[in-house]
C-alpha atoms as a PDB file:
ATOM      1  CA  MET A   1      15.203 -85.544  -9.468  1.00  0.00           C
ATOM      2  CA  LEU A   2      13.799 -82.977 -10.795  1.00  0.00           C
ATOM      3  CA  GLU A   3      13.763 -82.527 -14.894  1.00  0.00           C
ATOM      4  CA  LEU A   4      13.023 -79.366 -16.123  1.00  0.00           C
ATOM      5  CA  ASP A   5      12.790 -79.228 -20.316  1.00  0.00           C
ATOM      6  CA  PHE A   6       9.994 -76.126 -20.776  1.00  0.00           C
ATOM      7  CA  THR A   7       9.017 -73.267 -22.365  1.00  0.00           C
ATOM      8  CA  GLN A   8       6.905 -70.529 -21.068  1.00  0.00           C
ATOM      9  CA  THR A   9       5.979 -66.763 -22.308  1.00  0.00           C
ATOM     10  CA  LEU A  10       4.439 -64.376 -19.776  1.00  0.00           C
ATOM     11  CA  GLY A  11       3.800 -61.249 -21.543  1.00  0.00           C
ATOM     12  CA  SER A  12       7.256 -60.178 -22.699  1.00  0.00           C
ATOM     13  CA  HIS A  13       9.074 -63.102 -20.972  1.00  0.00           C
ATOM     14  CA  CYS A  14      10.205 -65.982 -22.175  1.00  0.00           C
ATOM     15  CA  LEU A  15      11.663 -68.773 -19.901  1.00  0.00           C
ATOM     16  CA  GLN A  16      13.876 -71.895 -20.915  1.00  0.00           C
ATOM     17  CA  ILE A  17      15.414 -73.798 -19.339  1.00  0.00           C
ATOM     18  CA  ARG A  18      16.889 -77.367 -19.231  1.00  0.00           C
ATOM     19  CA  GLU A  19      18.076 -78.724 -16.663  1.00  0.00           C
ATOM     20  CA  THR A  20      18.014 -82.044 -14.079  1.00  0.00           C
ATOM     21  CA  LEU A  21      18.267 -81.113 -10.432  1.00  0.00           C
ATOM     22  CA  PRO A  22      18.184 -82.979  -7.395  1.00  0.00           C
ATOM     23  CA  ALA A  23      15.673 -83.689  -5.175  1.00  0.00           C
ATOM     24  CA  SER A  24      16.976 -83.890  -1.999  1.00  0.00           C
ATOM     25  CA  GLY A  25      19.367 -81.452  -0.126  1.00  0.00           C
ATOM     26  CA  ILE A  26      18.761 -77.696  -0.872  1.00  0.00           C
ATOM     27  CA  THR A  27      19.198 -75.709  -4.545  1.00  0.00           C
ATOM     28  CA  ALA A  28      19.023 -71.782  -4.998  1.00  0.00           C
ATOM     29  CA  VAL A  29      17.752 -70.334  -7.523  1.00  0.00           C
ATOM     30  CA  PHE A  30      19.117 -66.805  -7.627  1.00  0.00           C
ATOM     31  CA  GLY A  31      18.642 -63.677 -10.586  1.00  0.00           C
ATOM     32  CA  VAL A  32      17.993 -60.142 -10.767  1.00  0.00           C
ATOM     33  CA  SER A  33      14.482 -59.572 -10.692  1.00  0.00           C
ATOM     34  CA  GLY A  34      12.062 -60.255 -13.115  1.00  0.00           C
ATOM     35  CA  ALA A  35      15.106 -63.470 -14.539  1.00  0.00           C
ATOM     36  CA  GLY A  36      11.977 -66.076 -13.867  1.00  0.00           C
ATOM     37  CA  LYS A  37      12.941 -67.338 -10.790  1.00  0.00           C
ATOM     38  CA  THR A  38       8.980 -66.622  -9.490  1.00  0.00           C
ATOM     39  CA  SER A  39       7.954 -68.349 -12.857  1.00  0.00           C
ATOM     40  CA  LEU A  40       9.998 -70.800 -12.453  1.00  0.00           C
ATOM     41  CA  ILE A  41       8.120 -72.006  -9.231  1.00  0.00           C
ATOM     42  CA  ASN A  42       5.124 -71.808 -10.237  1.00  0.00           C
ATOM     43  CA  ALA A  43       6.082 -73.883 -13.580  1.00  0.00           C
ATOM     44  CA  ILE A  44       7.076 -76.280 -11.600  1.00  0.00           C
ATOM     45  CA  SER A  45       4.817 -75.796  -8.509  1.00  0.00           C
ATOM     46  CA  GLY A  46       1.127 -76.389 -11.131  1.00  0.00           C
ATOM     47  CA  LEU A  47      -0.035 -72.549 -10.778  1.00  0.00           C
ATOM     48  CA  THR A  48       0.785 -71.845 -14.392  1.00  0.00           C
ATOM     49  CA  ARG A  49       1.588 -74.018 -17.643  1.00  0.00           C
ATOM     50  CA  PRO A  50       4.466 -74.119 -19.817  1.00  0.00           C
ATOM     51  CA  GLN A  51       3.093 -74.122 -23.265  1.00  0.00           C
ATOM     52  CA  ALA A  52       5.718 -77.015 -24.245  1.00  0.00           C
ATOM     53  CA  GLY A  53       8.271 -79.364 -22.465  1.00  0.00           C
ATOM     54  CA  ARG A  54       7.778 -81.298 -19.278  1.00  0.00           C
ATOM     55  CA  ILE A  55       7.825 -81.684 -16.039  1.00  0.00           C
ATOM     56  CA  VAL A  56       8.755 -84.420 -14.403  1.00  0.00           C
ATOM     57  CA  LEU A  57       9.379 -85.078 -10.323  1.00  0.00           C
ATOM     58  CA  ASN A  58      11.193 -88.290  -9.290  1.00  0.00           C
ATOM     59  CA  GLY A  59       9.816 -89.859 -12.400  1.00  0.00           C
ATOM     60  CA  ARG A  60       6.552 -88.922 -11.632  1.00  0.00           C
ATOM     61  CA  VAL A  61       5.875 -86.534 -14.724  1.00  0.00           C
ATOM     62  CA  LEU A  62       4.100 -83.502 -13.146  1.00  0.00           C
ATOM     63  CA  ASN A  63       3.627 -81.780 -16.804  1.00  0.00           C
ATOM     64  CA  ASP A  64       4.252 -82.801 -20.232  1.00  0.00           C
ATOM     65  CA  THR A  65       2.502 -81.092 -23.143  1.00  0.00           C
ATOM     66  CA  ALA A  66       3.118 -83.662 -25.531  1.00  0.00           C
ATOM     67  CA  GLN A  67       0.972 -86.007 -24.117  1.00  0.00           C
ATOM     68  CA  ARG A  68      -1.082 -83.569 -22.808  1.00  0.00           C
ATOM     69  CA  ILE A  69      -0.568 -83.809 -18.849  1.00  0.00           C
ATOM     70  CA  CYS A  70      -0.994 -81.247 -16.144  1.00  0.00           C
ATOM     71  CA  LEU A  71      -0.993 -82.056 -12.969  1.00  0.00           C
ATOM     72  CA  ALA A  72      -2.707 -79.716 -11.033  1.00  0.00           C
ATOM     73  CA  PRO A  73      -1.041 -78.090  -7.641  1.00  0.00           C
ATOM     74  CA  GLU A  74      -2.557 -80.338  -5.073  1.00  0.00           C
ATOM     75  CA  GLN A  75      -1.576 -83.343  -6.538  1.00  0.00           C
ATOM     76  CA  ARG A  76       1.858 -82.394  -7.540  1.00  0.00           C
ATOM     77  CA  ARG A  77       3.238 -83.114  -3.547  1.00  0.00           C
ATOM     78  CA  ILE A  78       4.482 -79.647  -3.875  1.00  0.00           C
ATOM     79  CA  GLY A  79       4.905 -77.340  -0.441  1.00  0.00           C
ATOM     80  CA  TYR A  80       5.265 -73.665  -1.392  1.00  0.00           C
ATOM     81  CA  VAL A  81       5.980 -71.001   1.141  1.00  0.00           C
ATOM     82  CA  PHE A  82       5.114 -67.668  -1.074  1.00  0.00           C
ATOM     83  CA  GLN A  83       6.612 -64.243  -0.116  1.00  0.00           C
ATOM     84  CA  ASP A  84       3.222 -63.269   1.694  1.00  0.00           C
ATOM     85  CA  ALA A  85       2.833 -65.785   3.225  1.00  0.00           C
ATOM     86  CA  ARG A  86      -0.432 -66.085   1.980  1.00  0.00           C
ATOM     87  CA  LEU A  87      -2.472 -67.228   5.449  1.00  0.00           C
ATOM     88  CA  PHE A  88      -6.228 -68.104   5.751  1.00  0.00           C
ATOM     89  CA  PRO A  89      -7.100 -64.751   7.831  1.00  0.00           C
ATOM     90  CA  HIS A  90      -9.808 -66.089   9.414  1.00  0.00           C
ATOM     91  CA  TYR A  91      -8.026 -69.134  11.193  1.00  0.00           C
ATOM     92  CA  LYS A  92      -5.939 -69.505  14.353  1.00  0.00           C
ATOM     93  CA  VAL A  93      -2.407 -70.661  13.923  1.00  0.00           C
ATOM     94  CA  ARG A  94      -3.301 -74.026  14.800  1.00  0.00           C
ATOM     95  CA  GLY A  95      -5.432 -74.336  11.480  1.00  0.00           C
ATOM     96  CA  ASN A  96      -3.554 -72.519   9.706  1.00  0.00           C
ATOM     97  CA  LEU A  97      -0.741 -75.283  10.066  1.00  0.00           C
ATOM     98  CA  GLN A  98      -3.462 -78.671  10.463  1.00  0.00           C
ATOM     99  CA  TYR A  99      -5.240 -76.893   7.145  1.00  0.00           C
ATOM    100  CA  GLY A 100      -3.639 -79.875   4.700  1.00  0.00           C
ATOM    101  CA  MET A 101      -1.521 -81.598   7.061  1.00  0.00           C
ATOM    102  CA  ALA A 102      -0.917 -85.395   5.716  1.00  0.00           C
ATOM    103  CA  LYS A 103      -1.547 -87.847   8.153  1.00  0.00           C
ATOM    104  CA  SER A 104       1.731 -89.012   8.383  1.00  0.00           C
ATOM    105  CA  MET A 105       3.026 -86.226  10.355  1.00  0.00           C
ATOM    106  CA  VAL A 106       0.101 -85.782  12.500  1.00  0.00           C
ATOM    107  CA  SER A 107       3.391 -87.098  14.887  1.00  0.00           C
ATOM    108  CA  GLN A 108       5.669 -84.789  13.736  1.00  0.00           C
ATOM    109  CA  PHE A 109       3.289 -81.326  15.019  1.00  0.00           C
ATOM    110  CA  ASP A 110       4.426 -80.520  18.220  1.00  0.00           C
ATOM    111  CA  LYS A 111       8.274 -81.404  17.124  1.00  0.00           C
ATOM    112  CA  LEU A 112       8.046 -78.356  14.269  1.00  0.00           C
ATOM    113  CA  VAL A 113       6.626 -76.180  16.128  1.00  0.00           C
ATOM    114  CA  ASP A 114       8.800 -76.560  18.613  1.00  0.00           C
ATOM    115  CA  LEU A 115      11.638 -75.661  15.444  1.00  0.00           C
ATOM    116  CA  LEU A 116      10.220 -72.936  13.720  1.00  0.00           C
ATOM    117  CA  GLY A 117       9.507 -71.672  17.859  1.00  0.00           C
ATOM    118  CA  ILE A 118       6.171 -70.769  16.139  1.00  0.00           C
ATOM    119  CA  ALA A 119       3.942 -72.609  20.173  1.00  0.00           C
ATOM    120  CA  PRO A 120       2.885 -69.236  21.758  1.00  0.00           C
ATOM    121  CA  LEU A 121       1.080 -68.280  18.231  1.00  0.00           C
ATOM    122  CA  LEU A 122      -0.953 -71.322  17.997  1.00  0.00           C
ATOM    123  CA  ASP A 123      -4.271 -69.123  18.898  1.00  0.00           C
ATOM    124  CA  ARG A 124      -3.133 -66.171  17.718  1.00  0.00           C
ATOM    125  CA  LEU A 125      -4.869 -64.840  13.727  1.00  0.00           C
ATOM    126  CA  PRO A 126      -2.713 -63.685  11.774  1.00  0.00           C
ATOM    127  CA  GLY A 127      -3.455 -60.370  11.023  1.00  0.00           C
ATOM    128  CA  ARG A 128      -1.854 -60.665  14.729  1.00  0.00           C
ATOM    129  CA  LEU A 129       1.364 -62.000  13.650  1.00  0.00           C
ATOM    130  CA  SER A 130       4.451 -59.854  12.561  1.00  0.00           C
ATOM    131  CA  GLY A 131       6.313 -61.104   9.029  1.00  0.00           C
ATOM    132  CA  GLY A 132       8.367 -62.602  10.285  1.00  0.00           C
ATOM    133  CA  GLU A 133       5.929 -65.102  12.413  1.00  0.00           C
ATOM    134  CA  LYS A 134       3.886 -65.476   9.275  1.00  0.00           C
ATOM    135  CA  GLN A 135       6.597 -66.236   7.159  1.00  0.00           C
ATOM    136  CA  ARG A 136       7.352 -69.264  10.250  1.00  0.00           C
ATOM    137  CA  VAL A 137       3.935 -70.428  10.033  1.00  0.00           C
ATOM    138  CA  ALA A 138       3.531 -70.226   6.507  1.00  0.00           C
ATOM    139  CA  ILE A 139       7.123 -72.462   6.213  1.00  0.00           C
ATOM    140  CA  GLY A 140       5.509 -74.939   9.092  1.00  0.00           C
ATOM    141  CA  ARG A 141       1.732 -75.437   6.640  1.00  0.00           C
ATOM    142  CA  ALA A 142       3.999 -76.186   3.533  1.00  0.00           C
ATOM    143  CA  LEU A 143       5.915 -78.591   5.607  1.00  0.00           C
ATOM    144  CA  LEU A 144       3.384 -80.130   7.567  1.00  0.00           C
ATOM    145  CA  THR A 145       1.663 -81.568   4.054  1.00  0.00           C
ATOM    146  CA  ALA A 146       4.953 -84.169   3.880  1.00  0.00           C
ATOM    147  CA  PRO A 147       5.511 -82.319   0.601  1.00  0.00           C
ATOM    148  CA  GLU A 148       8.383 -84.221  -2.672  1.00  0.00           C
ATOM    149  CA  LEU A 149       9.218 -80.828  -3.314  1.00  0.00           C
ATOM    150  CA  THR A 150       9.350 -77.271  -1.228  1.00  0.00           C
ATOM    151  CA  ALA A 151       9.319 -74.158  -2.613  1.00  0.00           C
ATOM    152  CA  ALA A 152       9.802 -70.673  -1.984  1.00  0.00           C
ATOM    153  CA  GLY A 153       9.600 -67.489  -3.698  1.00  0.00           C
END
C-alpha cells in the first residue's frame, strides 16, 4: 500500500492529499495541467519534501515530518521515468540501462531489452536516439533498479 497524507506548497500551488493506493498493479493519476500530478510524484519519490504529513510505502516510512524522517530518493526504491527521459549523454544505451541495476535484475536484462525492443540500440549514445527510443531506455533503466514502485511523470 502507498499511504499518502501530506501537504506540499510550491509557489502559489498547495497540494493536499489524503489517500491510500495499492502498491501493485497500475494506478493512474490524471488532471488538468498544473493540478499537481508531477508535484505528487516528486514528493513520493523524494525529489521534493512535503511541509507536513507522511508518505508510507508497504509499511516503510518514506517521509514523516512529525518524526523528522525523510529518506533520500536513492533509499526509497522508486523507479522514476521522467517526461524528458534524462539519460546520461556520455553513456551508451547499455550503460544507461546498467546504471543502478540491481543484482537481482542481471538475469532479466536481456529479456527486458527484448521486451522494450531496444536491443539494436545498445551501442548507441542517447543523442542518436529518437524521443520514443529514449523513453523506452528510460523505462528499462527504471525497471532494472528492481523498484518497489515505478512512477512516470
